[in-house]
Amino acid sequence: MLLKGLFGFKVIFKGAFEILSKKSGRKFVRLSIGHGERERYRPGTFKLHGRKFQYADNMSFLWQFHDIFVKEVYKFQTNNAQPLIIDCGSNIGLSVLYFKKQYPNSRVIAFEADPDIFDTQIKNLSHLEGVESHNEAVWTDDIGIKLFRNKADGAYISDGGDIQVNSVRLRDFLKAYDHIDLLKLDVEGAEFDLIKDCKDELHRVEKLFVEIHTFSGQQQHMAELLTTIESAGFRYFIENANYQNSPLTGSWRSSDTGMDMQLNLYAIRE
């Protein structure tokens, strides 16, 4: 009976157990207590690895910290002591901090389109070597794009955007490298066009992470994206990152940017 009771307790409190059993999880709890009730879209500071860092929005920061350091969604293995990581959509730089903690000798090339968020990233990463930060959007051309910003982690390409920013054609950028250990795409809906445009260069990529977003009222293009990734020789795992209650009812929640679905796609070579 005792074992059954303990199992039931563990099931009920599974999320809390998994968080509190990890040092990074306990850090997340402390950060949540200290920053979770603050007003949104206000800059703040936090300490990590003995250093002080900045964020632009408390809730975006907390959930990024949870996904990156507690869940370790970007964790990967490689025999390369100096892996090349291309990080598209690096926001305030938490992903880069994680990569450099895991692989101190790695080379990380980070792209962040939002100039205000990029300024925060530069401050957060100034102490690191082997990091190149680009204030550009990765896109299918290099003539620039309109960016809609929400002062957090949800900036996306839109004709109705509030700012014009520089862009780099990701396909051409990938051509400069024979081997890329990890390509990470967290680009708020641009992933569909990017994967399609880069299909002939994906053979250079060993591991691929794509955060997939779809938006209410817009056509979903999942089949084409998955077919392109399969054709490039990847095997993938998909994880739901945006829980919906009873999705068959059709009453899906949307984010403040209109996003109604978010998936994490992890792809490796077979």
Foldseek 3Di string as FASTA:
>chain_A
DVVVVVVVVCVVCVVVCLLVVDPLSVVLVVLCVVQVPDDFQCKDWDDDPRDIAIARTSVLVSVVSCVCPRVVLVDDDDPDLAAEEEAAQCFLNPNVVSVCVVRVNYAYEYEHQDPVSLVRNCVRCVVHPNYHYDNAHAAQAFPWFAWADDSHRQIAGDPPHDDTTTYDHVLVVLVVAQAHAEYEADHRARLVRNLVSNLVRCLRYAKYKYKHWDFPPDDDDVVVNVVSLVVSQKDKDKDWPQDADPCVVVPFDADPVRTRGIMIMIIGHD
